Amino acid sequence: MRLCFLVEEQYRHDGMPLDVIRQLGAWGHQVDVLWPGRSLLPISEAIRAGSHDAWVLKTVSGGPGLTLLEAAASVGLTTVNDVRAIRGVRDKALAAVIARSSGLPVPVTYAAARLQEFAEIPEAEFPLVVKPADGSSGRAVRLVATPDRLLDPVEPDDAGAPGAPGGGLLIAQPYVPNSGTDLKVYSVAGRLYATERCSPLHPAHAVRERQVPLTPEIARIAAEIGTVFGLDLYGVDILLGPDGPVVVDINDFPSFRQVPDAVARVSAAVLELARNGTAGQGAGFPAAGQPSTGQPTAGQSSTGEPRATPAAPAATPAPSTSAPTPPFTIPPVPPAAPRPRPAASIGGGR
């Protein structure tokens, strides 16, 4: 098969997806890599050529890669994840509306362009977690204890911080009391894996990041998110609050940390989706007020437990047949390099 990966500058040394790109190449598939932040692309001709079986995106919210992926989808090319699903979770205000309208346990969400507008929220709902609607990787998240702390100064060089000039739309959600442990559930084309880690808002609470058992209730919620948003490769941040599980963030193509054999599993899932299409193709978000079916995804049993994960391919797949050369030059994937551990994603309800 022939695949095109769109990799934003922030992830140029990240194992996800560079290790996946290398694995696919080792299996005999041709993978072209496009760096949207530093590549010239004759977009109309490259997309029209249609020489790739699927386009895959690893990007930051608001990055240029999403436009390129949407361009590929606009002419009927397969994208991983489905581009409509990505747009639905990249805008956290939109994601909160879709999720709550579908009956998912998501905190009440407020939106405003300026921090001071959140002062109108009843004081009983404080503390609030405030963050950019287009935020990613825990960027610029603030815990605001009381209304009078909303306008506490931010660092002038903290681009995108709530309240900073040009920061865009903000969202605020009531803080969900919790133990200081985050639960992250990853979905790899219907197969679910749960991990726990220390919450960034509770750094003094020492938690060893590790894989943990997946309960039927958490599995049902995670699977339903895939159904509602049409996602295939995604992660869900869940807090175990006093009233039960609460979804506080959804990420497309996350890090898949602590997933056993993550590189091989994600690589195999990309190939499967490229061949057979993605969950979002031909599907739409449920209408407002209409809950999702709540039925298990293809990777779930009727009890909500994850299905058994088949072993990664033992044999090297046959190389793809020749395909026309796209009308652009794609830089090679850089060699692996030491990199800092990525920050955990911070959800809106923490």
Protein backbone atom coordinates (compact mmCIF):
# COMPACT_ATOMS: atom_id res chain seq x y z
CA MET A 1 0.00 0.00 0.00
CA ARG A 2 1.01 3.62 -0.40
CA LEU A 3 0.30 6.01 2.47
CA CYS A 4 0.86 9.72 3.04
CA PHE A 5 1.50 10.87 6.61
CA LEU A 6 1.02 14.54 7.52
CA VAL A 7 3.23 15.25 10.53
CA GLU A 8 3.21 18.64 12.24
CA GLU A 9 6.50 20.20 13.36
CA GLN A 10 5.74 19.55 17.03
CA TYR A 11 5.83 15.79 16.39
CA ARG A 12 8.85 15.57 14.08
CA HIS A 13 10.79 13.58 16.73
CA ASP A 14 7.82 11.86 18.36
CA GLY A 15 7.48 8.08 18.37
CA MET A 16 3.86 8.45 17.37
CA PRO A 17 3.76 8.45 14.43
CA LEU A 18 7.42 8.17 13.31
CA ASP A 19 7.88 4.65 14.69
CA VAL A 20 4.67 3.66 12.94
CA ILE A 21 6.00 5.09 9.67
CA ARG A 22 9.18 3.05 10.06
CA GLN A 23 7.21 -0.10 10.89
CA LEU A 24 5.01 0.24 7.82
CA GLY A 25 8.12 0.70 5.69
CA ALA A 26 9.68 -2.41 7.23
CA TRP A 27 6.55 -4.35 6.28
CA GLY A 28 7.08 -3.38 2.66
CA HIS A 29 4.64 -0.49 2.29
CA GLN A 30 5.56 2.86 0.77
CA VAL A 31 5.08 5.75 3.16
CA ASP A 32 5.50 9.36 2.08
CA VAL A 33 5.82 11.98 4.81
CA LEU A 34 4.71 15.56 4.44
CA TRP A 35 5.70 18.21 6.99
CA PRO A 36 2.93 20.87 6.66
CA GLY A 37 4.94 23.46 8.56
CA ARG A 38 8.02 23.35 6.33
CA SER A 39 7.05 21.82 2.98
CA LEU A 40 5.86 23.32 -0.29
CA LEU A 41 2.92 21.36 -1.66
CA PRO A 42 1.20 21.93 -5.00
CA ILE A 43 -1.96 20.92 -3.19
CA SER A 44 -4.44 20.84 -6.05
CA GLU A 45 -2.30 18.58 -8.22
CA ALA A 46 -1.04 16.38 -5.38
CA ILE A 47 -4.56 15.67 -4.14
CA ARG A 48 -5.95 15.21 -7.64
CA ALA A 49 -3.27 12.59 -8.42
CA GLY A 50 -4.89 10.30 -5.85
CA SER A 51 -1.77 8.13 -5.69
CA HIS A 52 -2.08 7.24 -2.00
CA ASP A 53 -4.39 4.63 -0.51
CA ALA A 54 -4.90 6.75 2.60
CA TRP A 55 -3.77 9.99 4.25
CA VAL A 56 -2.91 9.95 7.95
CA LEU A 57 -2.65 13.02 10.17
CA LYS A 58 -0.68 13.69 13.35
CA THR A 59 -1.18 17.36 14.07
CA VAL A 60 -1.74 20.01 16.68
CA SER A 61 -5.13 21.67 16.97
CA GLY A 62 -5.39 24.47 14.47
CA GLY A 63 -2.31 23.28 12.57
CA PRO A 64 -2.16 23.43 8.76
CA GLY A 65 -2.24 19.65 8.43
CA LEU A 66 -5.98 19.45 9.05
CA THR A 67 -6.72 21.61 6.01
CA LEU A 68 -4.59 19.32 3.86
CA LEU A 69 -6.39 16.27 5.21
CA GLU A 70 -9.76 17.90 4.52
CA ALA A 71 -8.60 18.61 0.97
CA ALA A 72 -7.82 14.93 0.48
CA ALA A 73 -11.21 13.93 1.89
CA SER A 74 -12.99 16.46 -0.32
CA VAL A 75 -12.13 14.42 -3.43
CA GLY A 76 -13.06 11.11 -1.83
CA LEU A 77 -9.68 9.92 -0.55
CA THR A 78 -9.54 7.82 2.63
CA THR A 79 -8.27 9.65 5.72
CA VAL A 80 -7.23 8.23 9.10
CA ASN A 81 -9.05 9.25 11.23
CA ASP A 82 -12.06 10.37 9.22
CA VAL A 83 -11.60 14.10 8.80
CA ARG A 84 -15.05 15.01 10.13
CA ALA A 85 -14.32 13.07 13.29
CA ILE A 86 -11.05 14.94 13.78
CA ARG A 87 -12.74 18.32 13.40
CA GLY A 88 -15.37 17.25 15.90
CA VAL A 89 -12.86 16.64 18.69
CA ARG A 90 -10.27 19.30 17.84
CA ASP A 91 -12.73 22.05 18.74
CA LYS A 92 -13.31 21.36 22.42
CA ALA A 93 -16.41 23.55 22.56
CA LEU A 94 -17.94 21.62 19.68
CA ALA A 95 -16.86 18.30 21.18
CA ALA A 96 -18.56 19.13 24.49
CA VAL A 97 -21.85 19.93 22.74
CA ILE A 98 -21.77 16.76 20.62
CA ALA A 99 -20.88 14.59 23.61
CA ARG A 100 -23.51 16.00 26.00
CA SER A 101 -26.19 15.91 23.28
CA SER A 102 -25.40 12.22 22.87
CA GLY A 103 -25.78 11.46 26.56
CA LEU A 104 -22.09 11.08 27.36
CA PRO A 105 -20.93 12.11 30.88
CA VAL A 106 -19.26 15.44 30.09
CA PRO A 107 -19.14 18.48 32.42
CA VAL A 108 -21.28 21.53 31.76
CA THR A 109 -19.22 23.71 29.43
CA TYR A 110 -19.13 27.50 29.06
CA ALA A 111 -17.54 29.39 26.18
CA ALA A 112 -16.29 32.98 25.94
CA ALA A 113 -13.73 34.98 24.05
CA ARG A 114 -12.51 36.80 27.18
CA LEU A 115 -11.69 35.46 30.62
CA GLN A 116 -13.70 38.11 32.43
CA GLU A 117 -16.93 36.80 30.92
CA PHE A 118 -16.61 33.70 33.07
CA ALA A 119 -17.21 35.87 36.13
CA GLU A 120 -20.92 35.53 35.34
CA ILE A 121 -20.77 31.83 36.17
CA PRO A 122 -22.26 31.19 39.64
CA GLU A 123 -19.54 31.12 42.28
CA ALA A 124 -20.84 27.76 43.48
CA GLU A 125 -19.51 26.21 40.23
CA PHE A 126 -15.93 27.28 40.99
CA PRO A 127 -13.18 26.17 40.85
CA LEU A 128 -13.17 26.13 37.07
CA VAL A 129 -10.77 24.59 34.59
CA VAL A 130 -10.24 27.09 31.76
CA LYS A 131 -8.46 26.30 28.50
CA PRO A 132 -8.38 27.24 24.81
CA ALA A 133 -11.09 25.59 22.72
CA ASP A 134 -8.38 24.64 20.23
CA GLY A 135 -5.84 23.52 22.82
CA SER A 136 -3.79 20.34 22.68
CA SER A 137 -1.25 18.44 24.79
CA GLY A 138 -2.39 20.20 27.96
CA ARG A 139 -1.35 23.59 26.58
CA ALA A 140 -2.42 26.68 28.52
CA VAL A 141 -4.83 25.02 30.96
CA ARG A 142 -5.63 27.00 34.10
CA LEU A 143 -7.34 26.01 37.34
CA VAL A 144 -9.22 29.09 38.60
CA ALA A 145 -10.25 28.79 42.25
CA THR A 146 -12.60 31.80 42.53
CA PRO A 147 -14.09 34.46 40.23
CA ASP A 148 -11.66 37.11 41.49
CA ARG A 149 -8.72 34.99 40.24
CA LEU A 150 -9.90 34.93 36.62
CA LEU A 151 -7.77 37.90 35.64
CA ASP A 152 -4.61 36.83 37.40
CA PRO A 153 -1.76 37.78 35.05
CA VAL A 154 -0.37 35.23 32.61
CA GLU A 155 3.15 35.08 31.32
CA PRO A 156 3.43 37.50 28.37
CA ASP A 157 5.27 34.92 26.27
CA ASP A 158 2.74 32.17 27.02
CA ALA A 159 1.22 32.09 23.55
CA GLY A 160 -2.31 30.80 23.51
CA ALA A 161 -2.76 31.04 27.29
CA PRO A 162 -6.31 31.84 28.40
CA GLY A 163 -6.59 35.61 28.39
CA ALA A 164 -3.50 36.19 26.25
CA PRO A 165 -3.92 38.41 23.17
CA GLY A 166 -5.19 36.50 20.18
CA GLY A 167 -5.94 33.46 22.30
CA GLY A 168 -9.23 32.69 20.53
CA LEU A 169 -12.29 31.04 22.04
CA LEU A 170 -12.00 29.74 25.60
CA ILE A 171 -13.99 27.11 27.43
CA ALA A 172 -14.56 26.64 31.14
CA GLN A 173 -15.84 23.59 33.00
CA PRO A 174 -16.39 23.02 36.72
CA TYR A 175 -13.52 21.15 38.31
CA VAL A 176 -14.36 17.50 39.04
CA PRO A 177 -13.06 16.42 42.48
CA ASN A 178 -10.88 13.36 42.04
CA SER A 179 -8.08 11.34 43.59
CA GLY A 180 -5.38 12.97 41.47
CA THR A 181 -5.22 9.99 39.12
CA ASP A 182 -6.22 10.27 35.47
CA LEU A 183 -7.61 7.33 33.55
CA LYS A 184 -6.65 7.29 29.87
CA VAL A 185 -8.40 4.84 27.57
CA TYR A 186 -6.92 4.24 24.12
CA SER A 187 -8.84 2.77 21.20
CA VAL A 188 -6.90 1.09 18.41
CA ALA A 189 -9.52 0.39 15.72
CA GLY A 190 -12.02 -0.91 18.28
CA ARG A 191 -9.62 -2.53 20.74
CA LEU A 192 -9.52 -0.74 24.08
CA TYR A 193 -6.65 -0.34 26.57
CA ALA A 194 -6.79 1.53 29.90
CA THR A 195 -3.89 3.24 31.66
CA GLU A 196 -3.64 5.46 34.71
CA ARG A 197 -1.30 8.36 35.35
CA CYS A 198 -0.81 11.31 37.66
CA SER A 199 -3.02 14.28 36.93
CA PRO A 200 -1.02 17.37 35.88
CA LEU A 201 -3.22 19.39 38.22
CA HIS A 202 -2.12 17.18 41.14
CA PRO A 203 1.65 16.83 40.66
CA ALA A 204 2.22 16.00 44.33
CA HIS A 205 0.14 12.86 43.97
CA ALA A 206 2.66 10.20 42.97
CA VAL A 207 1.17 7.71 40.50
CA ARG A 208 3.17 5.25 38.43
CA GLU A 209 1.92 5.26 34.87
CA ARG A 210 0.74 1.74 34.10
CA GLN A 211 -1.84 -0.32 32.28
CA VAL A 212 -4.91 -1.13 34.38
CA PRO A 213 -7.97 -3.38 33.96
CA LEU A 214 -10.81 -1.92 31.92
CA THR A 215 -14.18 -2.06 33.66
CA PRO A 216 -17.37 -2.67 31.62
CA GLU A 217 -18.67 0.84 32.44
CA ILE A 218 -15.50 2.60 31.28
CA ALA A 219 -15.32 0.36 28.20
CA ARG A 220 -18.90 1.25 27.29
CA ILE A 221 -18.22 4.99 27.58
CA ALA A 222 -14.99 4.79 25.56
CA ALA A 223 -16.62 2.68 22.85
CA GLU A 224 -19.60 5.02 22.65
CA ILE A 225 -17.26 7.97 22.06
CA GLY A 226 -15.89 6.17 19.01
CA THR A 227 -19.44 5.63 17.76
CA VAL A 228 -20.61 9.19 18.42
CA PHE A 229 -17.60 10.91 16.85
CA GLY A 230 -16.74 8.33 14.19
CA LEU A 231 -13.19 7.83 15.49
CA ASP A 232 -10.97 4.78 14.99
CA LEU A 233 -7.65 5.78 16.61
CA TYR A 234 -8.26 7.90 19.70
CA GLY A 235 -7.75 8.44 23.40
CA VAL A 236 -10.22 9.45 26.11
CA ASP A 237 -9.35 11.12 29.42
CA ILE A 238 -11.75 10.03 32.15
CA LEU A 239 -11.94 11.10 35.78
CA LEU A 240 -13.58 8.99 38.46
CA GLY A 241 -15.53 11.75 40.18
CA PRO A 242 -17.87 11.53 43.18
CA ASP A 243 -20.85 10.92 40.86
CA GLY A 244 -19.14 8.43 38.57
CA PRO A 245 -16.92 8.59 35.47
CA VAL A 246 -16.62 11.94 33.69
CA VAL A 247 -15.12 12.43 30.22
CA VAL A 248 -12.83 15.45 30.24
CA ASP A 249 -10.94 15.20 26.95
CA ILE A 250 -10.88 13.33 23.64
CA ASN A 251 -7.80 13.11 21.41
CA ASP A 252 -7.43 11.77 17.89
CA PHE A 253 -4.22 9.81 17.22
CA PRO A 254 -2.76 10.12 20.75
CA SER A 255 0.52 8.73 22.10
CA PHE A 256 -0.81 5.22 22.95
CA ARG A 257 1.58 5.08 25.88
CA GLN A 258 1.50 1.82 27.87
CA VAL A 259 -0.40 0.02 25.09
CA PRO A 260 1.37 -3.35 24.58
CA ASP A 261 3.19 -3.48 21.23
CA ALA A 262 1.68 -0.11 20.41
CA VAL A 263 3.70 0.51 17.26
CA ALA A 264 2.78 -2.83 15.66
CA ARG A 265 -0.85 -2.56 16.72
CA VAL A 266 -1.31 1.00 15.47
CA SER A 267 0.53 0.20 12.24
CA ALA A 268 -1.73 -2.80 11.61
CA ALA A 269 -4.79 -0.65 12.38
CA VAL A 270 -3.70 2.03 9.89
CA LEU A 271 -3.41 -0.63 7.18
CA GLU A 272 -6.81 -2.09 8.06
CA LEU A 273 -8.46 1.33 7.95
CA ALA A 274 -6.72 2.23 4.69
CA ARG A 275 -8.06 -0.95 3.09
CA ASN A 276 -11.57 -1.01 4.53
CA GLY A 277 -12.40 2.61 5.32
CA THR A 278 -12.85 4.39 8.63
CA ALA A 279 -15.72 4.54 11.11
CA GLY A 280 -16.59 8.11 10.16
CA GLN A 281 -17.09 7.40 6.46
CA GLY A 282 -20.76 7.54 5.61
CA ALA A 283 -21.70 8.35 9.19
CA GLY A 284 -22.65 11.60 10.81
CA PHE A 285 -22.94 12.97 14.32
CA PRO A 286 -26.31 12.33 16.00
CA ALA A 287 -28.75 15.20 15.88
CA ALA A 288 -28.99 17.41 18.95
CA GLY A 289 -31.10 15.79 21.61
CA GLN A 290 -30.83 12.35 20.02
CA PRO A 291 -28.67 9.97 22.05
CA SER A 292 -26.34 7.61 20.30
CA THR A 293 -27.33 3.97 20.11
CA GLY A 294 -24.97 3.01 22.90
CA GLN A 295 -24.27 -0.22 21.04
CA PRO A 296 -20.79 -1.71 21.29
CA THR A 297 -18.39 -0.94 18.49
CA ALA A 298 -17.03 -3.68 16.29
CA GLY A 299 -14.27 -4.17 18.84
CA GLN A 300 -16.59 -4.69 21.81
CA SER A 301 -18.52 -7.58 23.24
CA SER A 302 -22.09 -7.04 24.41
CA THR A 303 -20.80 -6.50 27.95
CA GLY A 304 -18.53 -3.68 26.87
CA GLU A 305 -15.32 -5.60 27.40
CA PRO A 306 -12.59 -5.10 24.78
CA ARG A 307 -12.31 -7.87 22.25
CA ALA A 308 -9.19 -9.97 22.13
CA THR A 309 -6.44 -8.29 20.20
CA PRO A 310 -4.87 -10.42 17.47
CA ALA A 311 -1.13 -10.62 17.32
CA ALA A 312 0.73 -8.17 15.14
CA PRO A 313 1.56 -9.44 11.66
CA ALA A 314 4.26 -12.09 11.93
CA ALA A 315 5.23 -12.00 8.29
CA THR A 316 6.26 -9.01 6.23
CA PRO A 317 3.36 -8.03 3.96
CA ALA A 318 4.06 -8.00 0.26
CA PRO A 319 5.20 -4.67 -1.09
CA SER A 320 2.55 -2.60 -2.80
CA THR A 321 2.38 -2.38 -6.55
CA SER A 322 3.88 0.61 -8.27
CA ALA A 323 1.97 3.85 -8.00
CA PRO A 324 2.38 7.12 -9.84
CA THR A 325 4.82 9.52 -8.30
CA PRO A 326 3.08 12.44 -6.61
CA PRO A 327 3.95 15.89 -7.93
CA PHE A 328 5.84 16.97 -4.84
CA THR A 329 9.03 16.10 -3.01
CA ILE A 330 8.62 14.72 0.50
CA PRO A 331 11.50 14.97 2.99
CA PRO A 332 12.67 11.70 4.56
CA VAL A 333 11.66 10.73 8.07
CA PRO A 334 14.41 11.97 10.43
CA PRO A 335 16.27 9.36 12.49
CA ALA A 336 15.07 8.68 15.98
CA ALA A 337 16.39 11.17 18.50
CA PRO A 338 16.10 11.48 22.27
CA ARG A 339 13.08 13.55 23.14
CA PRO A 340 11.43 14.80 26.32
CA ARG A 341 8.53 12.79 27.63
CA PRO A 342 5.32 14.34 26.22
CA ALA A 343 3.02 16.07 28.66
CA ALA A 344 -0.16 14.26 29.53
CA SER A 345 -3.29 15.63 27.93
CA ILE A 346 -5.28 17.77 30.35
CA GLY A 347 -9.03 17.57 30.14
CA GLY A 348 -11.57 20.27 30.74
CA GLY A 349 -13.07 18.90 33.95
CA ARG A 350 -9.92 18.60 36.03
